[in-house]
Amino acid sequence: MRKFILIWFGQLISTIGSQMSGFALTLWAWQLTGSATALALVGFFSQVPRIFMSLFAGIIVDHTNRKYLMILGDGIAALSTLAILILYLTGQLAIWHLYLAASINGGFGQIQQLAYSTSITLLVSSKNYTRANSMKWIVHYGSSIIAPAIAGFLYPILGLGGILPIDLMTFIVAIVTLARIHIPQPEKEQGRQRELAKIDNLWREITFGIHYIRQRSSLRTLLIVTVLFWFANNLGAAIFEPMILARSSGNSQTLGAIFSAAGIGGVTGAVVLSAWGGTKSRINSLLAGFMGAGIAKIIFGLSQSLRVWIPAQLCSSLNYPLLGSSETTLWMEAIPPELQGRVFAAISLILKLPGAIATLIAGILSDRLFEPAMQSPSILSSIFSPIFGTNPGAGMALLYVMSAMSMFLIGVVGYKLPQLRQKVSD
């Protein structure tokens, strides 16, 4: 675990910087546009190249040194941050520059994340898979405790030009950490012939992961359930920040406090899971996490008070290390290490395509349907205004609650599917 922990630490520092700059860029974009669609498009343009890159990322990761791929991802992200900083300081930064940077980072980030995920099985023993995966969530949520609080405080003082250089310094830490560590590469063969392990043409390489999953009913069902969950999750996540900003009159401290609460909840869940190791039934943990996250998000969307938002967000984030680690561990246990690059890439492709669609339509639905309908006489406002009000953000809150209810129901339905009760590796 020592090598993994060192890599993990470097990524934690880098992620803190990236979340600080992401938080600051969100505030800058909201002040510039006041549009949920504009913010959602940043996420959309990040996901589109990830979809395309997923076609080839598995081949690249299975045939290239994974350490160098991770360094490349951090390096490209650092250059993008530097470019945005220069544009801002020269007064030329526009919203479309964020879309371009998101696209570049998304494509290379997809390869980096896949290289990171597939290196876990080579750095830690199988009994530590859940712990290692829960530590990945500590990176995400641990940075969410610190980064938004710092950025929310510094942004009114330093502005975007003062926060982006901090991000650049954290990339250096991540790259130096990776450069000093040896990451083993998977063996091409492990004593016996794996089905379809040797592929002799590019198209079969690209589609290998999809065929591998399609031939196994339990894996197919697992993938369908997770696709539905993450579609609903992304639909709500795309309007999360603009909803809060609209309902708090653009208050950066309110947004920062909620993100910090998310970080505390996520880290707490990840630390508990890391120490505990998880339940024997990964499926039960996955579905319980779906339902728990959905309930907490319903409560969050129904409220307009920071006193409710903070505990609701904390409870929501508690579930993600459990459901995320359970999901990843199920795939790790079912797929041999030498096939994981291509199969994981296929999973990522299938998850990201509907996720990108959800991100795109969320902003459009908010700005063109739900927000206007809730702020004027309509069927929606007559039914839901007693619950959500008619102020800015009410329509986004309604859409957010609808997506959260879907997340909960997907978890309920999952318990009724016998295919999920089969051993996933069958």
Protein backbone atom coordinates (compact mmCIF):
# COMPACT_ATOMS: atom_id res chain seq x y z
CA MET A 1 0.00 0.00 0.00
CA ARG A 2 2.97 2.39 0.51
CA LYS A 3 3.41 3.26 -3.17
CA PHE A 4 -0.32 3.68 -3.62
CA ILE A 5 -0.51 6.01 -0.60
CA LEU A 6 2.28 8.22 -2.00
CA ILE A 7 0.52 8.49 -5.37
CA TRP A 8 -2.75 9.11 -3.55
CA PHE A 9 -1.20 11.96 -1.54
CA GLY A 10 0.10 13.70 -4.65
CA GLN A 11 -3.32 13.45 -6.29
CA LEU A 12 -4.97 14.81 -3.13
CA ILE A 13 -2.82 17.95 -3.20
CA SER A 14 -3.42 18.42 -6.93
CA THR A 15 -7.17 17.94 -6.55
CA ILE A 16 -7.33 20.58 -3.82
CA GLY A 17 -5.80 23.07 -6.23
CA SER A 18 -8.05 22.01 -9.10
CA GLN A 19 -11.19 22.33 -7.00
CA MET A 20 -10.13 25.77 -5.83
CA SER A 21 -9.73 26.95 -9.42
CA GLY A 22 -12.94 25.17 -10.47
CA PHE A 23 -14.84 26.89 -7.66
CA ALA A 24 -13.43 30.29 -8.61
CA LEU A 25 -14.21 29.73 -12.30
CA THR A 26 -17.79 28.79 -11.41
CA LEU A 27 -18.25 32.07 -9.53
CA TRP A 28 -16.65 34.02 -12.38
CA ALA A 29 -18.90 32.33 -14.97
CA TRP A 30 -22.05 32.87 -12.88
CA GLN A 31 -21.23 36.57 -12.43
CA LEU A 32 -20.65 36.84 -16.18
CA THR A 33 -23.73 34.94 -17.43
CA GLY A 34 -26.17 34.18 -14.58
CA SER A 35 -27.15 31.11 -16.63
CA ALA A 36 -27.51 27.49 -15.52
CA THR A 37 -26.96 26.42 -19.12
CA ALA A 38 -23.61 28.21 -19.28
CA LEU A 39 -22.38 26.39 -16.17
CA ALA A 40 -23.79 23.04 -17.28
CA LEU A 41 -22.02 23.37 -20.63
CA VAL A 42 -18.65 23.39 -18.85
CA GLY A 43 -19.48 19.91 -17.57
CA PHE A 44 -20.86 18.87 -20.94
CA PHE A 45 -17.76 19.90 -22.86
CA SER A 46 -15.66 18.06 -20.30
CA GLN A 47 -17.61 14.84 -20.82
CA VAL A 48 -17.88 14.79 -24.63
CA PRO A 49 -14.15 14.18 -25.28
CA ARG A 50 -14.17 11.62 -22.48
CA ILE A 51 -16.76 9.68 -24.45
CA PHE A 52 -14.65 9.76 -27.59
CA MET A 53 -11.44 8.99 -25.71
CA SER A 54 -13.10 6.02 -23.99
CA LEU A 55 -13.05 4.25 -27.36
CA PHE A 56 -9.26 4.22 -27.34
CA ALA A 57 -8.30 4.79 -23.70
CA GLY A 58 -8.44 1.10 -22.81
CA ILE A 59 -6.09 0.17 -25.64
CA ILE A 60 -3.72 2.99 -24.69
CA VAL A 61 -3.70 2.09 -21.00
CA ASP A 62 -3.26 -1.65 -21.61
CA HIS A 63 -0.28 -1.05 -23.92
CA THR A 64 1.43 2.04 -22.42
CA ASN A 65 3.26 2.76 -19.18
CA ARG A 66 0.50 3.89 -16.81
CA LYS A 67 2.80 6.12 -14.78
CA TYR A 68 3.66 8.22 -17.83
CA LEU A 69 -0.03 8.52 -18.72
CA MET A 70 -0.84 9.90 -15.28
CA ILE A 71 2.00 12.43 -15.52
CA LEU A 72 0.77 13.46 -18.97
CA GLY A 73 -2.74 14.08 -17.63
CA ASP A 74 -1.45 16.32 -14.83
CA GLY A 75 0.85 18.16 -17.23
CA ILE A 76 -1.94 18.94 -19.73
CA ALA A 77 -4.22 20.16 -16.94
CA ALA A 78 -1.45 22.44 -15.64
CA LEU A 79 -0.94 23.95 -19.11
CA SER A 80 -4.69 24.59 -19.43
CA THR A 81 -4.75 26.37 -16.09
CA LEU A 82 -1.76 28.48 -17.14
CA ALA A 83 -3.50 29.44 -20.40
CA ILE A 84 -6.67 30.50 -18.56
CA LEU A 85 -4.58 32.56 -16.11
CA ILE A 86 -2.81 34.38 -18.94
CA LEU A 87 -6.10 35.08 -20.72
CA TYR A 88 -7.63 36.42 -17.51
CA LEU A 89 -4.68 38.66 -16.67
CA THR A 90 -4.71 40.10 -20.19
CA GLY A 91 -8.47 40.74 -20.06
CA GLN A 92 -9.28 38.30 -22.85
CA LEU A 93 -10.89 35.42 -20.95
CA ALA A 94 -14.34 34.47 -22.29
CA ILE A 95 -16.77 31.69 -21.36
CA TRP A 96 -15.89 29.69 -24.48
CA HIS A 97 -12.30 29.44 -23.25
CA LEU A 98 -13.61 27.44 -20.28
CA TYR A 99 -15.41 25.10 -22.67
CA LEU A 100 -12.22 24.58 -24.66
CA ALA A 101 -10.12 23.96 -21.55
CA ALA A 102 -12.74 21.56 -20.20
CA SER A 103 -12.66 19.61 -23.46
CA ILE A 104 -8.86 19.29 -23.46
CA ASN A 105 -8.69 18.33 -19.81
CA GLY A 106 -11.59 15.91 -20.21
CA GLY A 107 -9.93 13.92 -22.97
CA PHE A 108 -6.55 13.58 -21.30
CA GLY A 109 -8.16 13.26 -17.88
CA GLN A 110 -10.07 10.20 -19.07
CA ILE A 111 -6.82 8.42 -19.88
CA GLN A 112 -5.25 9.54 -16.61
CA GLN A 113 -8.16 8.33 -14.49
CA LEU A 114 -8.25 4.99 -16.27
CA ALA A 115 -4.49 4.55 -15.78
CA TYR A 116 -4.93 5.37 -12.08
CA SER A 117 -7.87 2.99 -11.58
CA THR A 118 -6.22 0.07 -13.36
CA SER A 119 -2.99 0.57 -11.40
CA ILE A 120 -4.74 -0.14 -8.10
CA THR A 121 -4.93 -3.90 -8.70
CA LEU A 122 -1.15 -3.90 -9.35
CA LEU A 123 -0.25 -1.84 -6.28
CA VAL A 124 -2.46 -3.37 -3.57
CA SER A 125 -3.69 -6.85 -2.69
CA SER A 126 -7.26 -7.92 -3.47
CA LYS A 127 -8.25 -7.73 0.20
CA ASN A 128 -7.46 -4.00 0.12
CA TYR A 129 -9.43 -3.14 -3.04
CA THR A 130 -12.31 -1.59 -1.10
CA ARG A 131 -9.94 0.38 1.13
CA ALA A 132 -7.96 1.68 -1.84
CA ASN A 133 -11.14 2.66 -3.68
CA SER A 134 -12.51 4.39 -0.59
CA MET A 135 -9.26 6.38 -0.39
CA LYS A 136 -9.99 7.66 -3.91
CA TRP A 137 -13.16 9.15 -2.49
CA ILE A 138 -11.12 10.80 0.28
CA VAL A 139 -9.18 12.60 -2.47
CA HIS A 140 -12.42 13.91 -3.95
CA TYR A 141 -14.20 14.80 -0.74
CA GLY A 142 -11.14 15.70 1.32
CA SER A 143 -10.31 18.40 -1.17
CA SER A 144 -13.95 19.50 -1.04
CA ILE A 145 -13.58 20.37 2.64
CA ILE A 146 -10.60 22.64 2.14
CA ALA A 147 -10.79 23.94 -1.42
CA PRO A 148 -14.25 25.62 -1.46
CA ALA A 149 -13.75 27.15 1.98
CA ILE A 150 -10.41 28.67 0.98
CA ALA A 151 -11.57 29.69 -2.50
CA GLY A 152 -14.85 31.13 -1.16
CA PHE A 153 -12.86 33.26 1.28
CA LEU A 154 -10.09 34.28 -1.13
CA TYR A 155 -12.18 34.96 -4.23
CA PRO A 156 -13.63 38.31 -3.03
CA ILE A 157 -10.09 39.34 -2.03
CA LEU A 158 -7.79 37.94 -4.73
CA GLY A 159 -10.20 37.14 -7.53
CA LEU A 160 -9.57 34.52 -10.18
CA GLY A 161 -6.05 35.79 -10.84
CA GLY A 162 -4.97 35.02 -7.29
CA ILE A 163 -6.40 31.51 -7.08
CA LEU A 164 -5.22 29.98 -10.37
CA PRO A 165 -1.48 30.22 -9.46
CA ILE A 166 -2.18 28.10 -6.37
CA ASP A 167 -3.58 25.40 -8.64
CA LEU A 168 -0.42 25.50 -10.75
CA MET A 169 1.77 24.87 -7.70
CA THR A 170 -0.28 21.84 -6.66
CA PHE A 171 0.22 20.23 -10.08
CA ILE A 172 3.96 20.32 -9.48
CA VAL A 173 3.51 18.28 -6.29
CA ALA A 174 1.48 15.63 -8.12
CA ILE A 175 3.92 15.33 -11.02
CA VAL A 176 7.01 15.10 -8.76
CA THR A 177 5.31 12.42 -6.64
CA LEU A 178 4.48 10.31 -9.68
CA ALA A 179 7.96 10.74 -11.17
CA ARG A 180 9.63 9.31 -8.06
CA ILE A 181 7.53 6.12 -7.83
CA HIS A 182 7.73 2.91 -9.85
CA ILE A 183 4.34 1.62 -10.94
CA PRO A 184 4.40 -2.02 -12.12
CA GLN A 185 2.83 -2.90 -15.45
CA PRO A 186 0.49 -5.87 -15.97
CA GLU A 187 1.81 -9.05 -17.52
CA LYS A 188 0.55 -9.73 -21.01
CA GLU A 189 -0.19 -13.34 -20.08
CA GLN A 190 -0.75 -14.79 -16.60
CA GLY A 191 -0.21 -18.51 -17.00
CA ARG A 192 -3.26 -19.33 -19.09
CA GLN A 193 -5.04 -18.01 -22.14
CA ARG A 194 -7.73 -15.47 -21.30
CA GLU A 195 -10.72 -15.37 -23.60
CA LEU A 196 -10.27 -12.71 -26.26
CA ALA A 197 -7.11 -11.47 -24.52
CA LYS A 198 -5.22 -11.48 -27.79
CA ILE A 199 -6.91 -9.25 -30.32
CA ASP A 200 -5.57 -8.83 -33.81
CA ASN A 201 -7.42 -5.80 -35.12
CA LEU A 202 -8.30 -2.33 -33.89
CA TRP A 203 -12.07 -2.64 -34.05
CA ARG A 204 -12.10 -5.77 -31.90
CA GLU A 205 -9.79 -3.95 -29.47
CA ILE A 206 -12.23 -1.04 -29.23
CA THR A 207 -15.34 -3.21 -28.82
CA PHE A 208 -13.72 -5.90 -26.67
CA GLY A 209 -14.97 -4.49 -23.35
CA ILE A 210 -18.54 -4.14 -24.59
CA HIS A 211 -18.59 -7.76 -25.82
CA TYR A 212 -17.08 -8.95 -22.55
CA ILE A 213 -19.89 -7.35 -20.52
CA ARG A 214 -22.65 -8.32 -22.95
CA GLN A 215 -21.79 -12.00 -22.60
CA ARG A 216 -22.39 -11.95 -18.83
CA SER A 217 -25.94 -11.32 -17.65
CA SER A 218 -25.02 -10.19 -14.14
CA LEU A 219 -22.54 -7.63 -15.50
CA ARG A 220 -25.09 -6.39 -18.03
CA THR A 221 -27.67 -5.83 -15.30
CA LEU A 222 -25.14 -4.15 -13.03
CA LEU A 223 -24.18 -1.77 -15.84
CA ILE A 224 -27.79 -0.91 -16.71
CA VAL A 225 -28.63 -0.09 -13.10
CA THR A 226 -25.55 2.07 -12.63
CA VAL A 227 -26.16 3.89 -15.93
CA LEU A 228 -29.67 4.83 -14.79
CA PHE A 229 -28.43 5.98 -11.40
CA TRP A 230 -25.61 8.15 -12.74
CA PHE A 231 -27.90 9.65 -15.39
CA ALA A 232 -30.26 10.83 -12.65
CA ASN A 233 -27.32 11.92 -10.49
CA ASN A 234 -25.74 13.96 -13.32
CA LEU A 235 -29.05 15.60 -14.12
CA GLY A 236 -29.20 17.03 -10.61
CA ALA A 237 -25.47 17.67 -10.30
CA ALA A 238 -25.43 19.87 -13.42
CA ILE A 239 -27.78 22.40 -11.79
CA PHE A 240 -26.53 22.03 -8.22
CA GLU A 241 -24.23 25.06 -8.21
CA PRO A 242 -26.50 27.46 -10.17
CA MET A 243 -29.44 26.41 -7.97
CA ILE A 244 -27.55 27.35 -4.81
CA LEU A 245 -26.21 30.58 -6.30
CA ALA A 246 -29.68 31.57 -7.51
CA ARG A 247 -31.25 30.82 -4.12
CA SER A 248 -28.51 32.59 -2.15
CA SER A 249 -28.18 35.69 -4.37
CA GLY A 250 -24.78 34.55 -5.61
CA ASN A 251 -23.24 34.17 -2.14
CA SER A 252 -19.82 32.51 -2.52
CA GLN A 253 -19.56 31.75 1.22
CA THR A 254 -22.86 29.83 1.13
CA LEU A 255 -21.69 27.76 -1.83
CA GLY A 256 -18.34 27.17 -0.14
CA ALA A 257 -19.98 26.07 3.12
CA ILE A 258 -22.14 23.53 1.28
CA PHE A 259 -19.17 22.12 -0.62
CA SER A 260 -17.23 21.87 2.63
CA ALA A 261 -20.14 19.98 4.20
CA ALA A 262 -20.05 17.64 1.21
CA GLY A 263 -16.35 17.13 1.80
CA ILE A 264 -16.81 16.36 5.48
CA GLY A 265 -19.56 13.84 4.71
CA GLY A 266 -17.55 12.20 1.94
CA VAL A 267 -14.35 11.96 3.98
CA THR A 268 -16.25 10.58 6.97
CA GLY A 269 -17.84 7.92 4.79
CA ALA A 270 -14.54 7.07 3.11
CA VAL A 271 -12.59 6.86 6.40
CA VAL A 272 -15.23 4.64 7.98
CA LEU A 273 -15.32 2.44 4.90
CA SER A 274 -11.52 2.28 4.71
CA ALA A 275 -11.27 1.15 8.34
CA TRP A 276 -14.26 -1.17 8.09
CA GLY A 277 -13.53 -2.72 4.69
CA GLY A 278 -17.18 -2.82 3.61
CA THR A 279 -19.83 -5.51 3.73
CA LYS A 280 -19.55 -8.92 2.10
CA SER A 281 -22.50 -8.09 -0.15
CA ARG A 282 -21.22 -5.39 -2.48
CA ILE A 283 -24.59 -5.27 -4.25
CA ASN A 284 -26.47 -4.47 -1.04
CA SER A 285 -23.96 -1.71 -0.26
CA LEU A 286 -24.32 -0.28 -3.77
CA LEU A 287 -28.12 -0.18 -3.70
CA ALA A 288 -28.26 1.14 -0.12
CA GLY A 289 -25.95 3.94 -1.22
CA PHE A 290 -28.24 4.76 -4.15
CA MET A 291 -31.24 5.05 -1.83
CA GLY A 292 -29.43 6.96 0.90
CA ALA A 293 -28.05 9.54 -1.54
CA GLY A 294 -31.48 9.96 -3.13
CA ILE A 295 -33.25 10.60 0.19
CA ALA A 296 -30.70 13.17 1.33
CA LYS A 297 -30.85 15.02 -1.99
CA ILE A 298 -34.66 15.13 -1.85
CA ILE A 299 -34.43 16.86 1.54
CA PHE A 300 -31.77 19.23 0.20
CA GLY A 301 -33.85 20.26 -2.82
CA LEU A 302 -36.98 20.85 -0.76
CA SER A 303 -35.22 23.37 1.50
CA GLN A 304 -34.14 26.98 1.05
CA SER A 305 -32.21 27.24 4.31
CA LEU A 306 -28.48 26.79 4.93
CA ARG A 307 -29.39 25.13 8.24
CA VAL A 308 -30.99 22.29 6.28
CA TRP A 309 -28.68 22.36 3.27
CA ILE A 310 -25.52 21.65 5.26
CA PRO A 311 -26.69 18.50 7.14
CA ALA A 312 -28.57 17.24 4.06
CA GLN A 313 -25.47 17.63 1.88
CA LEU A 314 -23.31 15.98 4.52
CA CYS A 315 -25.68 12.99 4.66
CA SER A 316 -25.82 12.79 0.87
CA SER A 317 -22.04 12.68 0.56
CA LEU A 318 -21.76 9.96 3.21
CA ASN A 319 -23.25 7.53 0.69
CA TYR A 320 -20.94 8.10 -2.27
CA PRO A 321 -17.80 6.36 -0.92
CA LEU A 322 -19.98 3.34 -0.11
CA LEU A 323 -21.76 3.14 -3.45
CA GLY A 324 -18.73 4.17 -5.50
CA SER A 325 -16.29 1.79 -3.83
CA SER A 326 -18.80 -1.07 -3.99
CA GLU A 327 -19.38 -0.44 -7.69
CA THR A 328 -15.66 -0.29 -8.53
CA THR A 329 -14.82 -3.33 -6.40
CA LEU A 330 -17.51 -5.39 -8.12
CA TRP A 331 -15.87 -4.69 -11.48
CA MET A 332 -12.36 -5.27 -10.15
CA GLU A 333 -13.31 -8.65 -8.72
CA ALA A 334 -15.00 -9.71 -11.95
CA ILE A 335 -12.38 -8.67 -14.51
CA PRO A 336 -8.76 -9.94 -14.78
CA PRO A 337 -6.09 -7.20 -14.46
CA GLU A 338 -4.79 -7.65 -18.02
CA LEU A 339 -8.29 -6.95 -19.41
CA GLN A 340 -9.26 -4.11 -17.09
CA GLY A 341 -8.06 -1.27 -19.32
CA ARG A 342 -10.37 -2.19 -22.20
CA VAL A 343 -13.31 -3.32 -20.06
CA PHE A 344 -13.11 -0.32 -17.71
CA ALA A 345 -12.91 1.96 -20.76
CA ALA A 346 -16.09 0.36 -22.14
CA ILE A 347 -17.84 0.89 -18.80
CA SER A 348 -16.71 4.51 -18.75
CA LEU A 349 -17.96 5.04 -22.31
CA ILE A 350 -21.38 3.58 -21.57
CA LEU A 351 -21.70 5.60 -18.35
CA LYS A 352 -20.49 8.89 -19.79
CA LEU A 353 -22.69 9.03 -22.88
CA PRO A 354 -26.02 9.30 -21.00
CA GLY A 355 -24.24 11.35 -18.32
CA ALA A 356 -23.23 13.93 -20.91
CA ILE A 357 -26.78 14.02 -22.25
CA ALA A 358 -28.11 14.58 -18.72
CA THR A 359 -25.64 17.41 -18.17
CA LEU A 360 -26.60 19.08 -21.43
CA ILE A 361 -30.36 18.89 -21.00
CA ALA A 362 -30.29 19.90 -17.32
CA GLY A 363 -29.27 23.47 -18.07
CA ILE A 364 -31.69 23.76 -20.99
CA LEU A 365 -34.58 22.35 -18.95
CA SER A 366 -33.79 24.73 -16.10
CA ASP A 367 -33.43 27.93 -18.11
CA ARG A 368 -36.15 27.32 -20.69
CA LEU A 369 -38.79 25.25 -18.88
CA PHE A 370 -38.64 24.88 -15.12
CA GLU A 371 -37.40 28.35 -14.11
CA PRO A 372 -39.83 30.31 -16.33
CA ALA A 373 -42.72 28.01 -15.38
CA MET A 374 -42.13 28.39 -11.64
CA GLN A 375 -41.78 32.20 -11.85
CA SER A 376 -44.98 32.79 -13.82
CA PRO A 377 -48.56 31.49 -13.76
CA SER A 378 -48.48 27.89 -15.00
CA ILE A 379 -49.52 24.36 -14.10
CA LEU A 380 -46.13 23.70 -12.51
CA SER A 381 -46.19 26.82 -10.35
CA SER A 382 -49.79 26.21 -9.24
CA ILE A 383 -48.86 22.71 -8.04
CA PHE A 384 -45.35 23.16 -6.72
CA SER A 385 -44.98 26.81 -5.70
CA PRO A 386 -46.26 26.09 -2.15
CA ILE A 387 -43.28 23.73 -1.81
CA PHE A 388 -40.51 25.43 -3.78
CA GLY A 389 -41.67 29.04 -3.95
CA THR A 390 -41.47 31.26 -7.02
CA ASN A 391 -38.13 32.96 -6.49
CA PRO A 392 -35.08 32.40 -8.74
CA GLY A 393 -33.87 28.83 -8.34
CA ALA A 394 -37.32 27.35 -7.62
CA GLY A 395 -37.52 25.62 -11.00
CA MET A 396 -34.03 24.18 -10.62
CA ALA A 397 -34.96 22.92 -7.15
CA LEU A 398 -38.00 21.11 -8.60
CA LEU A 399 -35.85 19.44 -11.26
CA TYR A 400 -33.23 18.57 -8.64
CA VAL A 401 -35.81 16.83 -6.43
CA MET A 402 -37.19 14.91 -9.40
CA SER A 403 -33.71 13.59 -10.20
CA ALA A 404 -33.16 12.68 -6.53
CA MET A 405 -36.42 10.74 -6.39
CA SER A 406 -35.28 8.80 -9.46
CA MET A 407 -32.02 7.89 -7.71
CA PHE A 408 -33.93 6.51 -4.74
CA LEU A 409 -36.33 4.50 -6.90
CA ILE A 410 -33.48 2.96 -8.90
CA GLY A 411 -32.05 1.60 -5.64
CA VAL A 412 -35.46 0.17 -4.67
CA VAL A 413 -35.95 -1.51 -8.05
CA GLY A 414 -32.41 -2.92 -7.92
CA TYR A 415 -33.31 -5.05 -4.90
CA LYS A 416 -35.99 -6.73 -7.03
CA LEU A 417 -33.63 -7.81 -9.82
CA PRO A 418 -32.48 -11.43 -9.43
CA GLN A 419 -29.57 -10.91 -11.87
CA LEU A 420 -27.88 -8.64 -9.33
CA ARG A 421 -27.99 -11.48 -6.80
CA GLN A 422 -25.81 -13.67 -8.99
CA LYS A 423 -22.09 -13.78 -8.41
CA VAL A 424 -20.86 -10.93 -10.62
CA SER A 425 -17.96 -12.93 -12.03
CA ASP A 426 -20.26 -15.72 -13.29
